[in-house]
C-alpha cells in the first residue's frame, strides 16, 4: 500500500469515527433531557472535554446543534428539527392507519398489520386482530420482518434506493435469492406479495402504502394456508388492495400504484 492510499484509509476511518461520535452525542437528547452540556456528554461517552467540545462545535457549524438561550448548554439545531419534522410527516401513516386495519381485519377475519422500514427491514408498527376467530395468527409489534417476508418484498419492489434493495436481495444465498428476486419483480408489477412459512403453515399477503413521495409503509393480512391461501388471489387479497389504496389516497399517494394493482380494485 502506498503512503497516499494509507493516508486515504486513515482519513476514511477517521470520518466514520466522527460520524459515530456525532450520532452518540445526538442520541443523548431525550424528552427528559432537552439540554446537553459538554461536561455531561463527555462523562457519559467517556471522552475528554476538549475532544467533546470540538465535536459540539462541528455539530453547531453543521446546524445539528445550537446553543441554549443562556449559552450554558446545547439544544437540537434547526437542521435536526427540520429532519425530525420530515420523519414525523412520513409517520403520519401510523396515525391514519388504525381504522383501515380494523375494517380490514373484520372483513377478512384475519389479522392485519402495518410496518415501517427500519434500519435494515420492515418493523411492525400496528397490528389489529380479529377476535371473532377462535384461532388468531398474529405478529408482535416491534418485530423486524425477514427479507423474504411479504412486506419486505413489497418494500424492496418500491423503495427509492433500488441499489440498496438489490444488495439485500443479493445477501440471500442460492436458489432462495432467485425466488426472492422473482417475487420482488412480481410485486413491482402487481403491487402485492405473499409468503408461506411451511413449518408453521402461516401465510401473509402484503401491499404498499404510498404518500406523495413514494412508499412509506406496508399493510398485510396474516393467516394460515387454509384461511389465507397464497397460491392464488382471492377476496381477502382484494380487500387488502382496497384498504391499502384508500389509506394511500388519504396520504396523497394513490398515483404510485402500478396498473396491475388498480385492476384488483
Protein backbone atom coordinates (compact mmCIF):
# COMPACT_ATOMS: atom_id res chain seq x y z
CA UNK A 1 0.00 0.00 0.00
CA UNK A 2 1.39 3.43 -0.94
CA UNK A 3 1.74 6.29 1.52
CA UNK A 4 -1.09 8.23 -0.17
CA UNK A 5 -3.50 5.27 -0.07
CA UNK A 6 -2.63 4.76 3.58
CA UNK A 7 -3.49 8.36 4.31
CA UNK A 8 -6.82 7.98 2.49
CA UNK A 9 -7.64 4.88 4.56
CA UNK A 10 -6.80 6.70 7.79
CA UNK A 11 -8.93 9.67 6.73
CA UNK A 12 -11.87 7.41 5.86
CA UNK A 13 -11.60 5.62 9.20
CA UNK A 14 -11.49 8.97 10.97
CA UNK A 15 -14.60 10.16 9.13
CA UNK A 16 -16.50 7.02 10.17
CA UNK A 17 -15.46 7.52 13.80
CA UNK A 18 -16.54 11.16 13.67
CA UNK A 19 -19.99 10.20 12.36
CA UNK A 20 -20.29 7.56 15.09
CA UNK A 21 -19.37 10.06 17.79
CA UNK A 22 -21.78 12.64 16.42
CA UNK A 23 -24.64 10.13 16.46
CA UNK A 24 -23.75 9.16 20.04
CA UNK A 25 -23.88 12.79 21.13
CA UNK A 26 -27.22 13.41 19.42
CA UNK A 27 -28.55 10.21 20.95
CA UNK A 28 -28.05 11.69 24.43
CA UNK A 29 -31.02 14.04 23.92
CA UNK A 30 -34.23 12.67 25.43
CA UNK A 31 -37.64 14.09 26.39
CA UNK A 32 -36.37 14.45 29.96
CA UNK A 33 -33.08 15.98 28.75
CA UNK A 34 -33.78 18.75 26.20
CA UNK A 35 -30.48 20.48 27.04
CA UNK A 36 -26.99 18.98 26.95
CA UNK A 37 -23.64 20.28 28.19
CA UNK A 38 -20.17 19.35 27.04
CA UNK A 39 -19.34 18.15 30.54
CA UNK A 40 -22.32 15.78 30.71
CA UNK A 41 -21.70 14.41 27.20
CA UNK A 42 -18.01 13.84 27.90
CA UNK A 43 -18.81 11.98 31.12
CA UNK A 44 -21.42 9.73 29.50
CA UNK A 45 -19.35 8.92 26.43
CA UNK A 46 -16.03 8.56 28.23
CA UNK A 47 -14.32 11.30 26.21
CA UNK A 48 -12.14 14.17 27.37
CA UNK A 49 -13.78 17.58 27.40
CA UNK A 50 -11.61 19.19 24.72
CA UNK A 51 -12.43 16.42 22.22
CA UNK A 52 -16.12 16.58 23.10
CA UNK A 53 -16.09 20.36 22.69
CA UNK A 54 -14.66 20.00 19.17
CA UNK A 55 -17.49 17.62 18.26
CA UNK A 56 -20.05 20.06 19.64
CA UNK A 57 -18.51 22.93 17.66
CA UNK A 58 -18.67 20.87 14.45
CA UNK A 59 -22.30 19.94 15.10
CA UNK A 60 -23.16 23.60 15.66
CA UNK A 61 -21.46 24.53 12.37
CA UNK A 62 -23.50 21.84 10.60
CA UNK A 63 -26.77 23.12 12.05
CA UNK A 64 -27.35 19.96 14.08
CA UNK A 65 -26.90 21.74 17.43
CA UNK A 66 -27.50 25.27 18.70
CA UNK A 67 -26.54 27.00 21.93
CA UNK A 68 -29.27 27.42 24.52
CA UNK A 69 -30.55 30.93 25.24
CA UNK A 70 -28.23 31.47 28.20
CA UNK A 71 -25.30 29.89 26.32
CA UNK A 72 -24.58 27.33 29.03
CA UNK A 73 -25.76 24.27 27.13
CA UNK A 74 -26.80 23.00 23.70
CA UNK A 75 -30.15 22.11 22.10
CA UNK A 76 -31.09 20.35 18.84
CA UNK A 77 -30.36 22.64 15.89
CA UNK A 78 -32.54 23.81 13.04
CA UNK A 79 -31.41 21.11 10.61
CA UNK A 80 -32.13 18.40 13.17
CA UNK A 81 -35.59 19.85 13.83
CA UNK A 82 -36.24 20.00 10.07
CA UNK A 83 -35.22 16.35 9.61
CA UNK A 84 -37.31 15.34 12.61
CA UNK A 85 -40.36 17.11 11.22
CA UNK A 86 -39.86 15.33 7.89
CA UNK A 87 -39.56 11.95 9.62
CA UNK A 88 -42.70 12.59 11.65
CA UNK A 89 -44.52 13.59 8.49
CA UNK A 90 -43.61 10.25 6.95
CA UNK A 91 -45.02 8.58 10.07
CA UNK A 92 -48.45 10.19 9.61
CA UNK A 93 -49.46 6.85 8.18
CA UNK A 94 -49.28 5.35 11.69
CA UNK A 95 -51.97 7.75 12.90
CA UNK A 96 -54.23 7.28 9.88
CA UNK A 97 -53.90 3.50 9.57
CA UNK A 98 -55.88 2.09 12.58
CA UNK A 99 -59.43 2.47 11.15
CA UNK A 100 -58.30 0.83 7.91
CA UNK A 101 -56.63 -2.02 9.79
CA UNK A 102 -59.71 -2.58 11.94
CA UNK A 103 -62.04 -2.66 8.93
CA UNK A 104 -59.69 -4.96 7.04
CA UNK A 105 -59.45 -7.42 9.94
CA UNK A 106 -63.22 -7.51 10.28
CA UNK A 107 -63.86 -8.00 6.56
CA UNK A 108 -61.29 -10.75 6.11
CA UNK A 109 -61.49 -12.29 9.60
CA UNK A 110 -57.70 -12.24 9.58
CA UNK A 111 -55.07 -10.26 11.47
CA UNK A 112 -53.92 -7.09 9.75
CA UNK A 113 -50.62 -5.30 10.26
CA UNK A 114 -48.79 -2.12 9.29
CA UNK A 115 -44.99 -1.99 9.02
CA UNK A 116 -42.46 0.81 8.54
CA UNK A 117 -38.97 0.45 7.15
CA UNK A 118 -36.45 0.28 9.99
CA UNK A 119 -32.66 0.16 9.92
CA UNK A 120 -32.49 -2.91 7.67
CA UNK A 121 -36.02 -4.19 7.13
CA UNK A 122 -39.72 -3.72 7.86
CA UNK A 123 -40.65 -3.28 11.52
CA UNK A 124 -44.21 -3.99 12.64
CA UNK A 125 -45.80 -0.78 13.93
CA UNK A 126 -49.51 -1.64 14.24
CA UNK A 127 -51.48 -4.88 14.50
CA UNK A 128 -55.24 -5.49 14.51
CA UNK A 129 -56.52 -8.96 15.37
CA UNK A 130 -59.90 -10.45 14.51
CA UNK A 131 -61.12 -11.62 17.90
CA UNK A 132 -64.22 -13.29 16.45
CA UNK A 133 -61.96 -16.05 15.19
CA UNK A 134 -61.23 -18.86 17.70
CA UNK A 135 -57.67 -19.17 16.36
CA UNK A 136 -55.72 -15.93 15.86
CA UNK A 137 -52.49 -15.75 13.89
CA UNK A 138 -50.66 -12.51 14.57
CA UNK A 139 -47.27 -10.81 14.71
CA UNK A 140 -45.62 -8.87 17.53
CA UNK A 141 -45.34 -5.07 17.36
CA UNK A 142 -41.67 -4.09 17.09
CA UNK A 143 -40.72 -7.32 15.32
CA UNK A 144 -38.39 -6.87 12.35
CA UNK A 145 -39.61 -8.99 9.47
CA UNK A 146 -37.16 -11.12 7.45
CA UNK A 147 -36.11 -10.30 3.91
CA UNK A 148 -38.36 -13.00 2.43
CA UNK A 149 -41.49 -11.76 4.21
CA UNK A 150 -44.38 -10.46 2.12
CA UNK A 151 -43.99 -6.92 3.43
CA UNK A 152 -40.24 -6.84 2.84
CA UNK A 153 -40.76 -7.98 -0.76
CA UNK A 154 -43.13 -5.05 -1.28
CA UNK A 155 -40.66 -2.58 0.22
CA UNK A 156 -37.87 -3.95 -1.97
CA UNK A 157 -40.07 -3.55 -5.05
CA UNK A 158 -40.90 0.11 -4.46
CA UNK A 159 -38.21 1.65 -2.23
CA UNK A 160 -36.45 4.65 -3.77
CA UNK A 161 -32.97 3.24 -3.18
CA UNK A 162 -33.04 0.30 -5.58
CA UNK A 163 -29.29 -0.26 -5.18
CA UNK A 164 -29.93 -0.98 -1.53
CA UNK A 165 -32.81 -3.27 -2.48
CA UNK A 166 -30.52 -5.16 -4.86
CA UNK A 167 -27.90 -5.58 -2.13
CA UNK A 168 -30.48 -7.03 0.25
CA UNK A 169 -31.67 -9.48 -2.38
CA UNK A 170 -28.05 -10.42 -3.12
CA UNK A 171 -27.47 -11.20 0.56
CA UNK A 172 -29.73 -14.24 0.20
CA UNK A 173 -27.95 -17.42 -0.84
CA UNK A 174 -28.50 -19.82 -3.71
CA UNK A 175 -31.90 -20.66 -5.15
CA UNK A 176 -33.62 -18.59 -2.47
CA UNK A 177 -32.08 -15.46 -4.00
CA UNK A 178 -33.57 -16.23 -7.39
CA UNK A 179 -37.01 -16.89 -5.89
CA UNK A 180 -36.83 -13.68 -3.86
CA UNK A 181 -35.83 -11.64 -6.92
CA UNK A 182 -38.73 -13.11 -8.89
CA UNK A 183 -41.17 -12.29 -6.07
CA UNK A 184 -39.89 -8.70 -5.90
CA UNK A 185 -40.28 -8.30 -9.67
CA UNK A 186 -43.82 -9.65 -9.47
CA UNK A 187 -44.63 -7.29 -6.60
CA UNK A 188 -43.39 -4.40 -8.71
CA UNK A 189 -45.91 -5.32 -11.40
CA UNK A 190 -48.90 -6.27 -9.24
CA UNK A 191 -48.33 -4.28 -6.06
CA UNK A 192 -48.81 -7.41 -3.94
CA UNK A 193 -46.51 -10.05 -2.48
CA UNK A 194 -47.14 -13.18 -0.45
CA UNK A 195 -45.24 -15.61 1.73
CA UNK A 196 -45.89 -19.09 3.11
CA UNK A 197 -43.90 -20.33 6.12
CA UNK A 198 -44.06 -24.07 5.59
CA UNK A 199 -43.00 -25.08 9.12
CA UNK A 200 -45.91 -23.26 10.76
CA UNK A 201 -48.21 -23.09 7.73
CA UNK A 202 -48.57 -19.34 8.32
CA UNK A 203 -49.28 -17.19 5.27
CA UNK A 204 -49.27 -13.45 4.64
CA UNK A 205 -50.03 -11.06 1.81
CA UNK A 206 -48.54 -7.56 1.72
CA UNK A 207 -49.35 -4.34 -0.15
CA UNK A 208 -47.61 -0.94 -0.32
CA UNK A 209 -48.81 2.24 1.33
CA UNK A 210 -47.75 5.34 -0.59
CA UNK A 211 -47.67 9.00 0.34
CA UNK A 212 -46.81 11.86 -2.03
CA UNK A 213 -43.12 10.93 -2.08
CA UNK A 214 -43.41 7.17 -2.53
CA UNK A 215 -43.68 4.10 -0.36
CA UNK A 216 -43.91 4.95 3.34
CA UNK A 217 -45.29 1.71 4.83
CA UNK A 218 -46.73 -1.68 4.02
CA UNK A 219 -50.02 -3.27 5.02
CA UNK A 220 -50.55 -7.01 5.35
CA UNK A 221 -53.07 -9.68 6.24
CA UNK A 222 -51.89 -12.76 8.13
CA UNK A 223 -53.46 -16.20 8.36
CA UNK A 224 -52.81 -19.83 7.53
CA UNK A 225 -52.77 -21.74 4.28
CA UNK A 226 -56.39 -22.67 4.97
CA UNK A 227 -57.71 -19.22 5.91
CA UNK A 228 -55.47 -17.26 3.52
CA UNK A 229 -54.37 -19.31 0.50
CA UNK A 230 -51.47 -17.71 -1.33
CA UNK A 231 -51.27 -19.91 -4.42
CA UNK A 232 -53.96 -17.74 -5.99
CA UNK A 233 -55.53 -14.35 -5.23
CA UNK A 234 -58.94 -14.34 -3.56
CA UNK A 235 -61.41 -11.98 -1.89
CA UNK A 236 -59.03 -11.24 1.00
CA UNK A 237 -56.39 -10.06 -1.46
CA UNK A 238 -58.87 -7.62 -2.99
CA UNK A 239 -59.91 -6.40 0.48
CA UNK A 240 -56.24 -5.75 1.27
CA UNK A 241 -55.72 -3.93 -2.03
CA UNK A 242 -58.77 -1.74 -1.36
CA UNK A 243 -57.63 -0.87 2.18
CA UNK A 244 -54.09 -0.05 1.02
CA UNK A 245 -55.41 2.12 -1.79
CA UNK A 246 -57.79 4.07 0.46
CA UNK A 247 -55.10 4.74 3.05
CA UNK A 248 -52.66 5.81 0.32
CA UNK A 249 -55.34 8.11 -1.08
CA UNK A 250 -55.60 9.85 2.31
CA UNK A 251 -51.84 10.36 2.17
CA UNK A 252 -51.92 11.68 -1.41
CA UNK A 253 -50.01 8.75 -2.88
CA UNK A 254 -52.57 6.72 -4.81
CA UNK A 255 -50.95 7.64 -8.14
CA UNK A 256 -47.90 5.48 -7.29
CA UNK A 257 -49.74 2.16 -7.61
CA UNK A 258 -48.90 0.03 -10.67
CA UNK A 259 -51.64 -0.81 -13.16
CA UNK A 260 -51.69 -4.43 -12.08
CA UNK A 261 -52.72 -3.31 -8.60
CA UNK A 262 -55.54 -0.98 -9.60
CA UNK A 263 -57.03 -3.77 -11.72
CA UNK A 264 -57.89 -5.53 -8.43
CA UNK A 265 -59.99 -2.63 -7.15
